[in-house]
Amino acid sequence: MSVKREQVLIEALPYLREFCDSIMVIKIGGSIMSDKEVLDTFVQDLVLLRYVGIHPVVVHGGGPEISEKMARFGKKSVFVGGLRVTDEETLEIARMVLLGNINSSLVSLIGKHGGKGIGLSGKDGQLIVARKKAPIVVDGEELPIDLGWVGEVVRVNPEILLITAGKGYIPVISPIAVDGEGNNLNVNADTAAGVIAIALGARKLISVTDVEGVKLNPSDPNTVISSFRISDFSRLVDEKVITGGMIPKVEACVRAVEGGVQSAHIVDGRRPHALLLELFTDTGVGTMIERG
């Protein structure tokens, strides 16, 4: 057993050396957000990254929790093109869940495991400035559909993240943005993570979610594509390999890589220590999106 442990450490060494002092943006979302055991393991890994010299910046979603809370209020969740239609009441519910529940819980867990978390939203320091997304055209619909208070990112001001991460804190960001008039806007968390990764010049963007990765057959977990190039994205969408809510997730990864991030990864957070396995082993466990 000791030999096996030594081999693991030796395999990790070149990656530890390569990634030391780099920024990594890690987006967490999906049903794993409501699984306390999985979330606890994820935060352990996050704190470990900080202690080995990596600067993690966390962006979290909360889609299932928002949908659950909406149902309690008698509201039905409606999605168009993988994005949640957000009226004023839905926006308030999203703010309640993201800022008041998920963000503070993640910060508390980071503290539990010996790290220093700091909770932020896109409004803090005008971190994420957005505008209301224009109505979108959907196949089968005669008129464009208005998504409501859904934001389209205009710019990212990363100064507050550079200051806090540089001082040893782990920033935890809720994707609620602000526009020029001071209005709150709901920004897709994958999109927010992608633009933040670009603004920070991050080494990697990692999406930790409740799917194994991009699969050739969506119903077969054994068909995960270990890696593909950004030039393959449109073809995979056309071939229906990437569909529904995976589209904005993978699109954010593609745009991040186009914007200068070295590589983006989609990993299954339900697998124990998936984050460490993807970063510090030769084989990895999810799907990597790279240039080309």
C-alpha atoms as a PDB file:
ATOM      1  CA  MET A   1       0.000   0.000   0.000  1.00  0.00           C
ATOM      2  CA  SER A   2       2.854   2.407   0.810  1.00  0.00           C
ATOM      3  CA  VAL A   3       4.323   1.889  -2.667  1.00  0.00           C
ATOM      4  CA  LYS A   4       0.987   2.784  -4.230  1.00  0.00           C
ATOM      5  CA  ARG A   5       0.785   5.941  -2.149  1.00  0.00           C
ATOM      6  CA  GLU A   6       4.315   6.898  -3.139  1.00  0.00           C
ATOM      7  CA  GLN A   7       3.462   6.390  -6.810  1.00  0.00           C
ATOM      8  CA  VAL A   8       0.462   8.694  -6.448  1.00  0.00           C
ATOM      9  CA  LEU A   9       2.626  11.426  -4.947  1.00  0.00           C
ATOM     10  CA  ILE A  10       5.327  11.039  -7.589  1.00  0.00           C
ATOM     11  CA  GLU A  11       2.711  11.208 -10.359  1.00  0.00           C
ATOM     12  CA  ALA A  12       1.309  14.383  -8.823  1.00  0.00           C
ATOM     13  CA  LEU A  13       4.692  16.114  -8.423  1.00  0.00           C
ATOM     14  CA  PRO A  14       5.101  17.533 -11.957  1.00  0.00           C
ATOM     15  CA  TYR A  15       1.551  18.875 -11.874  1.00  0.00           C
ATOM     16  CA  LEU A  16       2.077  20.465  -8.467  1.00  0.00           C
ATOM     17  CA  ARG A  17       5.221  22.121  -9.783  1.00  0.00           C
ATOM     18  CA  GLU A  18       3.531  23.256 -12.994  1.00  0.00           C
ATOM     19  CA  PHE A  19       0.402  24.690 -11.353  1.00  0.00           C
ATOM     20  CA  CYS A  20       2.010  26.356  -8.327  1.00  0.00           C
ATOM     21  CA  ASP A  21       1.013  30.040  -8.022  1.00  0.00           C
ATOM     22  CA  SER A  22      -1.527  29.787 -10.840  1.00  0.00           C
ATOM     23  CA  ILE A  23      -5.173  30.889 -10.704  1.00  0.00           C
ATOM     24  CA  MET A  24      -7.871  28.323 -11.351  1.00  0.00           C
ATOM     25  CA  VAL A  25     -11.544  29.210 -11.652  1.00  0.00           C
ATOM     26  CA  ILE A  26     -13.745  26.390 -10.411  1.00  0.00           C
ATOM     27  CA  LYS A  27     -17.464  26.411 -11.106  1.00  0.00           C
ATOM     28  CA  ILE A  28     -19.651  24.138  -9.016  1.00  0.00           C
ATOM     29  CA  GLY A  29     -23.287  23.413  -9.718  1.00  0.00           C
ATOM     30  CA  GLY A  30     -25.941  20.812 -10.406  1.00  0.00           C
ATOM     31  CA  SER A  31     -27.535  18.457  -7.916  1.00  0.00           C
ATOM     32  CA  ILE A  32     -24.245  18.008  -6.037  1.00  0.00           C
ATOM     33  CA  MET A  33     -24.898  21.388  -4.411  1.00  0.00           C
ATOM     34  CA  SER A  34     -27.556  19.758  -2.221  1.00  0.00           C
ATOM     35  CA  ASP A  35     -25.475  16.665  -1.332  1.00  0.00           C
ATOM     36  CA  LYS A  36     -23.717  17.554   1.933  1.00  0.00           C
ATOM     37  CA  GLU A  37     -21.202  14.703   1.798  1.00  0.00           C
ATOM     38  CA  VAL A  38     -20.173  15.439  -1.798  1.00  0.00           C
ATOM     39  CA  LEU A  39     -19.956  19.159  -1.093  1.00  0.00           C
ATOM     40  CA  ASP A  40     -17.798  18.537   1.972  1.00  0.00           C
ATOM     41  CA  THR A  41     -15.349  16.440  -0.061  1.00  0.00           C
ATOM     42  CA  PHE A  42     -15.234  19.104  -2.788  1.00  0.00           C
ATOM     43  CA  VAL A  43     -14.376  21.818  -0.266  1.00  0.00           C
ATOM     44  CA  GLN A  44     -11.643  19.630   1.234  1.00  0.00           C
ATOM     45  CA  ASP A  45     -10.070  19.413  -2.224  1.00  0.00           C
ATOM     46  CA  LEU A  46     -10.475  23.152  -2.692  1.00  0.00           C
ATOM     47  CA  VAL A  47      -8.605  23.948   0.511  1.00  0.00           C
ATOM     48  CA  LEU A  48      -5.891  21.459  -0.406  1.00  0.00           C
ATOM     49  CA  LEU A  49      -5.367  23.300  -3.700  1.00  0.00           C
ATOM     50  CA  ARG A  50      -4.809  26.517  -1.767  1.00  0.00           C
ATOM     51  CA  TYR A  51      -2.280  24.874   0.542  1.00  0.00           C
ATOM     52  CA  VAL A  52      -0.213  23.524  -2.376  1.00  0.00           C
ATOM     53  CA  GLY A  53       0.129  27.001  -3.862  1.00  0.00           C
ATOM     54  CA  ILE A  54      -2.806  27.214  -6.289  1.00  0.00           C
ATOM     55  CA  HIS A  55      -5.220  30.168  -6.095  1.00  0.00           C
ATOM     56  CA  PRO A  56      -8.755  28.778  -6.506  1.00  0.00           C
ATOM     57  CA  VAL A  57     -11.632  31.126  -7.326  1.00  0.00           C
ATOM     58  CA  VAL A  58     -15.078  29.542  -6.957  1.00  0.00           C
ATOM     59  CA  VAL A  59     -18.212  30.430  -8.915  1.00  0.00           C
ATOM     60  CA  HIS A  60     -21.317  28.565  -7.824  1.00  0.00           C
ATOM     61  CA  GLY A  61     -24.664  27.895  -9.390  1.00  0.00           C
ATOM     62  CA  GLY A  62     -27.797  26.723  -7.660  1.00  0.00           C
ATOM     63  CA  GLY A  63     -30.270  25.757 -10.360  1.00  0.00           C
ATOM     64  CA  PRO A  64     -31.921  22.770  -8.629  1.00  0.00           C
ATOM     65  CA  GLU A  65     -32.230  24.687  -5.351  1.00  0.00           C
ATOM     66  CA  ILE A  66     -33.781  27.676  -7.127  1.00  0.00           C
ATOM     67  CA  SER A  67     -36.253  25.392  -8.921  1.00  0.00           C
ATOM     68  CA  GLU A  68     -37.160  23.704  -5.636  1.00  0.00           C
ATOM     69  CA  LYS A  69     -37.712  27.043  -3.909  1.00  0.00           C
ATOM     70  CA  MET A  70     -39.798  28.293  -6.832  1.00  0.00           C
ATOM     71  CA  ALA A  71     -42.001  25.207  -6.615  1.00  0.00           C
ATOM     72  CA  ARG A  72     -42.627  25.937  -2.942  1.00  0.00           C
ATOM     73  CA  PHE A  73     -43.877  29.375  -3.979  1.00  0.00           C
ATOM     74  CA  GLY A  74     -46.083  27.808  -6.630  1.00  0.00           C
ATOM     75  CA  LYS A  75     -43.945  28.931  -9.575  1.00  0.00           C
ATOM     76  CA  LYS A  76     -42.919  26.721 -12.459  1.00  0.00           C
ATOM     77  CA  SER A  77     -39.347  26.875 -13.782  1.00  0.00           C
ATOM     78  CA  VAL A  78     -39.113  27.633 -17.490  1.00  0.00           C
ATOM     79  CA  PHE A  79     -35.898  27.203 -19.464  1.00  0.00           C
ATOM     80  CA  VAL A  80     -35.128  28.426 -22.972  1.00  0.00           C
ATOM     81  CA  GLY A  81     -31.856  27.419 -24.619  1.00  0.00           C
ATOM     82  CA  GLY A  82     -30.597  26.134 -21.269  1.00  0.00           C
ATOM     83  CA  LEU A  83     -31.249  29.514 -19.563  1.00  0.00           C
ATOM     84  CA  ARG A  84     -33.842  30.174 -16.863  1.00  0.00           C
ATOM     85  CA  VAL A  85     -36.594  32.650 -17.740  1.00  0.00           C
ATOM     86  CA  THR A  86     -36.346  35.139 -14.867  1.00  0.00           C
ATOM     87  CA  ASP A  87     -39.190  37.472 -13.913  1.00  0.00           C
ATOM     88  CA  GLU A  88     -38.912  39.789 -10.885  1.00  0.00           C
ATOM     89  CA  GLU A  89     -40.179  37.199  -8.415  1.00  0.00           C
ATOM     90  CA  THR A  90     -37.856  34.522  -9.802  1.00  0.00           C
ATOM     91  CA  LEU A  91     -34.932  36.951  -9.512  1.00  0.00           C
ATOM     92  CA  GLU A  92     -35.712  37.534  -5.838  1.00  0.00           C
ATOM     93  CA  ILE A  93     -35.876  33.789  -5.230  1.00  0.00           C
ATOM     94  CA  ALA A  94     -32.554  33.328  -7.042  1.00  0.00           C
ATOM     95  CA  ARG A  95     -30.923  36.042  -4.916  1.00  0.00           C
ATOM     96  CA  MET A  96     -32.319  34.451  -1.748  1.00  0.00           C
ATOM     97  CA  VAL A  97     -30.972  31.010  -2.639  1.00  0.00           C
ATOM     98  CA  LEU A  98     -27.631  32.024  -4.133  1.00  0.00           C
ATOM     99  CA  LEU A  99     -26.588  34.780  -1.732  1.00  0.00           C
ATOM    100  CA  GLY A 100     -28.402  33.852   1.452  1.00  0.00           C
ATOM    101  CA  ASN A 101     -27.955  30.094   1.416  1.00  0.00           C
ATOM    102  CA  ILE A 102     -25.436  28.544  -0.957  1.00  0.00           C
ATOM    103  CA  ASN A 103     -22.746  31.223  -0.834  1.00  0.00           C
ATOM    104  CA  SER A 104     -22.640  31.458   2.950  1.00  0.00           C
ATOM    105  CA  SER A 105     -22.700  27.658   3.305  1.00  0.00           C
ATOM    106  CA  LEU A 106     -19.672  27.261   1.026  1.00  0.00           C
ATOM    107  CA  VAL A 107     -17.761  29.953   2.903  1.00  0.00           C
ATOM    108  CA  SER A 108     -18.532  28.205   6.215  1.00  0.00           C
ATOM    109  CA  LEU A 109     -17.358  24.845   4.839  1.00  0.00           C
ATOM    110  CA  ILE A 110     -14.098  26.367   3.646  1.00  0.00           C
ATOM    111  CA  GLY A 111     -13.512  27.664   7.166  1.00  0.00           C
ATOM    112  CA  LYS A 112     -14.344  24.266   8.632  1.00  0.00           C
ATOM    113  CA  HIS A 113     -11.556  22.689   6.583  1.00  0.00           C
ATOM    114  CA  GLY A 114      -8.930  25.287   7.458  1.00  0.00           C
ATOM    115  CA  GLY A 115      -9.271  27.717   4.565  1.00  0.00           C
ATOM    116  CA  LYS A 116     -10.289  31.363   4.415  1.00  0.00           C
ATOM    117  CA  GLY A 117     -13.385  31.792   2.263  1.00  0.00           C
ATOM    118  CA  ILE A 118     -14.859  35.150   1.350  1.00  0.00           C
ATOM    119  CA  GLY A 119     -18.365  35.432  -0.097  1.00  0.00           C
ATOM    120  CA  LEU A 120     -18.948  37.783  -3.023  1.00  0.00           C
ATOM    121  CA  SER A 121     -21.556  38.447  -5.667  1.00  0.00           C
ATOM    122  CA  GLY A 122     -21.107  39.950  -9.100  1.00  0.00           C
ATOM    123  CA  LYS A 123     -22.317  43.242  -7.609  1.00  0.00           C
ATOM    124  CA  ASP A 124     -19.392  43.582  -5.189  1.00  0.00           C
ATOM    125  CA  GLY A 125     -16.812  45.993  -6.559  1.00  0.00           C
ATOM    126  CA  GLN A 126     -18.785  45.850  -9.819  1.00  0.00           C
ATOM    127  CA  LEU A 127     -17.173  42.475 -10.338  1.00  0.00           C
ATOM    128  CA  ILE A 128     -19.660  41.484 -13.061  1.00  0.00           C
ATOM    129  CA  VAL A 129     -21.322  44.288 -15.015  1.00  0.00           C
ATOM    130  CA  ALA A 130     -24.054  43.064 -17.338  1.00  0.00           C
ATOM    131  CA  ARG A 131     -26.952  44.188 -19.486  1.00  0.00           C
ATOM    132  CA  LYS A 132     -30.340  42.620 -19.948  1.00  0.00           C
ATOM    133  CA  LYS A 133     -30.107  39.850 -22.510  1.00  0.00           C
ATOM    134  CA  ALA A 134     -32.061  40.523 -25.703  1.00  0.00           C
ATOM    135  CA  PRO A 135     -34.994  38.218 -26.577  1.00  0.00           C
ATOM    136  CA  ILE A 136     -33.756  35.040 -28.241  1.00  0.00           C
ATOM    137  CA  VAL A 137     -35.073  33.199 -31.267  1.00  0.00           C
ATOM    138  CA  VAL A 138     -36.095  29.604 -30.626  1.00  0.00           C
ATOM    139  CA  ASP A 139     -36.876  26.947 -33.207  1.00  0.00           C
ATOM    140  CA  GLY A 140     -40.626  26.407 -33.503  1.00  0.00           C
ATOM    141  CA  GLU A 141     -41.539  29.782 -32.003  1.00  0.00           C
ATOM    142  CA  GLU A 142     -42.807  32.630 -34.188  1.00  0.00           C
ATOM    143  CA  LEU A 143     -41.599  35.454 -31.961  1.00  0.00           C
ATOM    144  CA  PRO A 144     -38.355  35.886 -29.976  1.00  0.00           C
ATOM    145  CA  ILE A 145     -38.680  34.951 -26.301  1.00  0.00           C
ATOM    146  CA  ASP A 146     -37.877  37.512 -23.594  1.00  0.00           C
ATOM    147  CA  LEU A 147     -35.838  35.832 -20.837  1.00  0.00           C
ATOM    148  CA  GLY A 148     -36.625  38.584 -18.316  1.00  0.00           C
ATOM    149  CA  TRP A 149     -33.926  39.654 -15.857  1.00  0.00           C
ATOM    150  CA  VAL A 150     -31.234  37.461 -17.398  1.00  0.00           C
ATOM    151  CA  GLY A 151     -27.881  39.177 -17.783  1.00  0.00           C
ATOM    152  CA  GLU A 152     -25.404  39.251 -20.618  1.00  0.00           C
ATOM    153  CA  VAL A 153     -21.942  40.092 -19.302  1.00  0.00           C
ATOM    154  CA  VAL A 154     -20.504  43.403 -20.483  1.00  0.00           C
ATOM    155  CA  ARG A 155     -17.285  43.405 -18.480  1.00  0.00           C
ATOM    156  CA  VAL A 156     -15.545  41.877 -15.491  1.00  0.00           C
ATOM    157  CA  ASN A 157     -13.547  43.944 -12.992  1.00  0.00           C
ATOM    158  CA  PRO A 158     -11.263  41.337 -11.384  1.00  0.00           C
ATOM    159  CA  GLU A 159      -9.411  43.633  -8.978  1.00  0.00           C
ATOM    160  CA  ILE A 160     -11.290  42.451  -5.876  1.00  0.00           C
ATOM    161  CA  LEU A 161     -10.508  38.821  -6.789  1.00  0.00           C
ATOM    162  CA  LEU A 162      -6.820  39.505  -7.385  1.00  0.00           C
ATOM    163  CA  ILE A 163      -6.572  41.250  -4.020  1.00  0.00           C
ATOM    164  CA  THR A 164      -8.402  38.600  -2.002  1.00  0.00           C
ATOM    165  CA  ALA A 165      -6.927  35.537  -3.743  1.00  0.00           C
ATOM    166  CA  GLY A 166      -3.473  37.103  -3.535  1.00  0.00           C
ATOM    167  CA  LYS A 167      -3.862  37.410   0.245  1.00  0.00           C
ATOM    168  CA  GLY A 168      -4.706  33.733   0.674  1.00  0.00           C
ATOM    169  CA  TYR A 169      -8.503  33.928   0.603  1.00  0.00           C
ATOM    170  CA  ILE A 170     -10.717  31.687  -1.517  1.00  0.00           C
ATOM    171  CA  PRO A 171     -13.308  33.938  -3.209  1.00  0.00           C
ATOM    172  CA  VAL A 172     -16.763  32.361  -3.555  1.00  0.00           C
ATOM    173  CA  ILE A 173     -18.899  34.161  -6.145  1.00  0.00           C
ATOM    174  CA  SER A 174     -22.675  34.168  -6.683  1.00  0.00           C
ATOM    175  CA  PRO A 175     -23.548  34.971 -10.330  1.00  0.00           C
ATOM    176  CA  ILE A 176     -25.850  37.916  -9.591  1.00  0.00           C
ATOM    177  CA  ALA A 177     -24.613  40.842 -11.700  1.00  0.00           C
ATOM    178  CA  VAL A 178     -25.466  44.540 -11.836  1.00  0.00           C
ATOM    179  CA  ASP A 179     -26.243  46.794 -14.795  1.00  0.00           C
ATOM    180  CA  GLY A 180     -25.507  50.478 -15.335  1.00  0.00           C
ATOM    181  CA  GLU A 181     -28.755  51.458 -13.598  1.00  0.00           C
ATOM    182  CA  GLY A 182     -28.069  49.370 -10.500  1.00  0.00           C
ATOM    183  CA  ASN A 183     -30.514  46.594 -11.430  1.00  0.00           C
ATOM    184  CA  ASN A 184     -29.746  43.011 -10.430  1.00  0.00           C
ATOM    185  CA  LEU A 185     -29.424  40.480 -13.240  1.00  0.00           C
ATOM    186  CA  ASN A 186     -29.272  36.701 -13.109  1.00  0.00           C
ATOM    187  CA  VAL A 187     -26.242  35.472 -15.058  1.00  0.00           C
ATOM    188  CA  ASN A 188     -25.760  31.832 -15.981  1.00  0.00           C
ATOM    189  CA  ALA A 189     -23.098  30.538 -13.578  1.00  0.00           C
ATOM    190  CA  ASP A 190     -21.130  28.731 -16.294  1.00  0.00           C
ATOM    191  CA  THR A 191     -21.031  31.914 -18.363  1.00  0.00           C
ATOM    192  CA  ALA A 192     -19.947  33.943 -15.334  1.00  0.00           C
ATOM    193  CA  ALA A 193     -17.171  31.470 -14.521  1.00  0.00           C
ATOM    194  CA  GLY A 194     -15.902  31.591 -18.100  1.00  0.00           C
ATOM    195  CA  VAL A 195     -15.636  35.378 -18.323  1.00  0.00           C
ATOM    196  CA  ILE A 196     -14.086  35.587 -14.859  1.00  0.00           C
ATOM    197  CA  ALA A 197     -11.466  33.002 -15.891  1.00  0.00           C
ATOM    198  CA  ILE A 198     -10.584  35.119 -18.924  1.00  0.00           C
ATOM    199  CA  ALA A 199     -10.393  38.352 -16.909  1.00  0.00           C
ATOM    200  CA  LEU A 200      -8.112  36.726 -14.346  1.00  0.00           C
ATOM    201  CA  GLY A 201      -5.867  35.098 -16.930  1.00  0.00           C
ATOM    202  CA  ALA A 202      -6.639  31.792 -15.208  1.00  0.00           C
ATOM    203  CA  ARG A 203      -4.629  28.690 -15.987  1.00  0.00           C
ATOM    204  CA  LYS A 204      -7.734  26.501 -16.026  1.00  0.00           C
ATOM    205  CA  LEU A 205     -11.510  26.671 -15.857  1.00  0.00           C
ATOM    206  CA  ILE A 206     -13.006  23.610 -14.171  1.00  0.00           C
ATOM    207  CA  SER A 207     -16.740  22.898 -14.129  1.00  0.00           C
ATOM    208  CA  VAL A 208     -17.630  20.497 -11.312  1.00  0.00           C
ATOM    209  CA  THR A 209     -21.132  19.186 -11.926  1.00  0.00           C
ATOM    210  CA  ASP A 210     -23.394  16.117 -11.760  1.00  0.00           C
ATOM    211  CA  VAL A 211     -22.512  14.586 -15.137  1.00  0.00           C
ATOM    212  CA  GLU A 212     -19.498  12.480 -16.046  1.00  0.00           C
ATOM    213  CA  GLY A 213     -18.456  14.835 -18.847  1.00  0.00           C
ATOM    214  CA  VAL A 214     -19.385  15.250 -22.500  1.00  0.00           C
ATOM    215  CA  LYS A 215     -20.699  11.870 -23.687  1.00  0.00           C
ATOM    216  CA  LEU A 216     -21.105  10.541 -27.208  1.00  0.00           C
ATOM    217  CA  ASN A 217     -24.224   8.775 -25.938  1.00  0.00           C
ATOM    218  CA  PRO A 218     -25.880  10.943 -23.261  1.00  0.00           C
ATOM    219  CA  SER A 219     -27.417   7.873 -21.598  1.00  0.00           C
ATOM    220  CA  ASP A 220     -24.162   5.884 -21.425  1.00  0.00           C
ATOM    221  CA  PRO A 221     -21.571   7.063 -18.855  1.00  0.00           C
ATOM    222  CA  ASN A 222     -18.960   4.855 -20.517  1.00  0.00           C
ATOM    223  CA  THR A 223     -18.899   7.073 -23.629  1.00  0.00           C
ATOM    224  CA  VAL A 224     -17.272  10.124 -22.025  1.00  0.00           C
ATOM    225  CA  ILE A 225     -15.059  12.041 -24.460  1.00  0.00           C
ATOM    226  CA  SER A 226     -11.765  12.506 -22.609  1.00  0.00           C
ATOM    227  CA  SER A 227     -10.839  15.598 -24.632  1.00  0.00           C
ATOM    228  CA  PHE A 228     -11.783  17.608 -27.685  1.00  0.00           C
ATOM    229  CA  ARG A 229     -10.687  20.828 -29.355  1.00  0.00           C
ATOM    230  CA  ILE A 230     -12.718  24.030 -29.407  1.00  0.00           C
ATOM    231  CA  SER A 231     -13.031  23.701 -33.180  1.00  0.00           C
ATOM    232  CA  ASP A 232     -15.167  20.558 -32.596  1.00  0.00           C
ATOM    233  CA  PHE A 233     -17.808  22.369 -30.527  1.00  0.00           C
ATOM    234  CA  SER A 234     -20.210  23.374 -33.323  1.00  0.00           C
ATOM    235  CA  ARG A 235     -20.088  19.890 -34.834  1.00  0.00           C
ATOM    236  CA  LEU A 236     -20.867  18.237 -31.494  1.00  0.00           C
ATOM    237  CA  VAL A 237     -23.866  20.558 -31.026  1.00  0.00           C
ATOM    238  CA  ASP A 238     -25.095  19.850 -34.577  1.00  0.00           C
ATOM    239  CA  GLU A 239     -24.759  16.118 -33.955  1.00  0.00           C
ATOM    240  CA  LYS A 240     -26.794  16.447 -30.726  1.00  0.00           C
ATOM    241  CA  VAL A 241     -23.903  15.168 -28.624  1.00  0.00           C
ATOM    242  CA  ILE A 242     -24.068  18.423 -26.645  1.00  0.00           C
ATOM    243  CA  THR A 243     -27.679  19.419 -25.905  1.00  0.00           C
ATOM    244  CA  GLY A 244     -29.882  21.335 -23.465  1.00  0.00           C
ATOM    245  CA  GLY A 245     -28.202  22.608 -20.312  1.00  0.00           C
ATOM    246  CA  MET A 246     -24.840  21.242 -21.440  1.00  0.00           C
ATOM    247  CA  ILE A 247     -24.724  23.809 -24.262  1.00  0.00           C
ATOM    248  CA  PRO A 248     -24.095  26.910 -22.099  1.00  0.00           C
ATOM    249  CA  LYS A 249     -21.753  24.851 -19.894  1.00  0.00           C
ATOM    250  CA  VAL A 250     -19.538  23.718 -22.777  1.00  0.00           C
ATOM    251  CA  GLU A 251     -19.906  27.030 -24.610  1.00  0.00           C
ATOM    252  CA  ALA A 252     -18.513  28.843 -21.563  1.00  0.00           C
ATOM    253  CA  CYS A 253     -15.547  26.458 -21.572  1.00  0.00           C
ATOM    254  CA  VAL A 254     -14.955  27.011 -25.291  1.00  0.00           C
ATOM    255  CA  ARG A 255     -15.094  30.796 -24.951  1.00  0.00           C
ATOM    256  CA  ALA A 256     -12.734  30.705 -21.991  1.00  0.00           C
ATOM    257  CA  VAL A 257     -10.146  28.769 -23.978  1.00  0.00           C
ATOM    258  CA  GLU A 258     -10.638  31.110 -26.933  1.00  0.00           C
ATOM    259  CA  GLY A 259     -10.053  33.980 -24.504  1.00  0.00           C
ATOM    260  CA  GLY A 260      -6.681  32.698 -23.339  1.00  0.00           C
ATOM    261  CA  VAL A 261      -7.396  30.111 -20.629  1.00  0.00           C
ATOM    262  CA  GLN A 262      -5.081  27.169 -21.274  1.00  0.00           C
ATOM    263  CA  SER A 263      -7.741  24.474 -20.935  1.00  0.00           C
ATOM    264  CA  ALA A 264     -11.204  23.894 -19.519  1.00  0.00           C
ATOM    265  CA  HIS A 265     -12.519  20.774 -17.819  1.00  0.00           C
ATOM    266  CA  ILE A 266     -15.903  19.257 -17.010  1.00  0.00           C
ATOM    267  CA  VAL A 267     -15.764  16.727 -14.160  1.00  0.00           C
ATOM    268  CA  ASP A 268     -18.275  14.701 -12.174  1.00  0.00           C
ATOM    269  CA  GLY A 269     -18.347  16.059  -8.629  1.00  0.00           C
ATOM    270  CA  ARG A 270     -20.201  12.953  -7.435  1.00  0.00           C
ATOM    271  CA  ARG A 271     -16.953  11.029  -7.800  1.00  0.00           C
ATOM    272  CA  PRO A 272     -14.859  11.444  -4.634  1.00  0.00           C
ATOM    273  CA  HIS A 273     -11.934  13.844  -5.130  1.00  0.00           C
ATOM    274  CA  ALA A 274     -12.666  14.224  -8.848  1.00  0.00           C
ATOM    275  CA  LEU A 275     -11.054  17.673  -8.792  1.00  0.00           C
ATOM    276  CA  LEU A 276      -7.727  16.298  -7.576  1.00  0.00           C
ATOM    277  CA  LEU A 277      -7.844  13.326  -9.934  1.00  0.00           C
ATOM    278  CA  GLU A 278      -8.430  15.588 -12.934  1.00  0.00           C
ATOM    279  CA  LEU A 279      -5.603  17.966 -12.018  1.00  0.00           C
ATOM    280  CA  PHE A 280      -2.918  15.714 -10.571  1.00  0.00           C
ATOM    281  CA  THR A 281      -3.122  12.399 -12.454  1.00  0.00           C
ATOM    282  CA  ASP A 282      -2.048  11.494 -15.979  1.00  0.00           C
ATOM    283  CA  THR A 283      -5.404  10.083 -17.070  1.00  0.00           C
ATOM    284  CA  GLY A 284      -7.861  12.528 -15.493  1.00  0.00           C
ATOM    285  CA  VAL A 285     -11.541  11.704 -14.981  1.00  0.00           C
ATOM    286  CA  GLY A 286     -13.641  14.083 -17.082  1.00  0.00           C
ATOM    287  CA  THR A 287     -13.665  15.951 -20.390  1.00  0.00           C
ATOM    288  CA  MET A 288     -10.939  18.457 -21.245  1.00  0.00           C
ATOM    289  CA  ILE A 289     -11.542  21.206 -23.825  1.00  0.00           C
ATOM    290  CA  GLU A 290      -8.364  22.562 -25.369  1.00  0.00           C
ATOM    291  CA  ARG A 291      -7.198  24.851 -28.134  1.00  0.00           C
ATOM    292  CA  GLY A 292      -7.121  23.925 -31.766  1.00  0.00           C
END
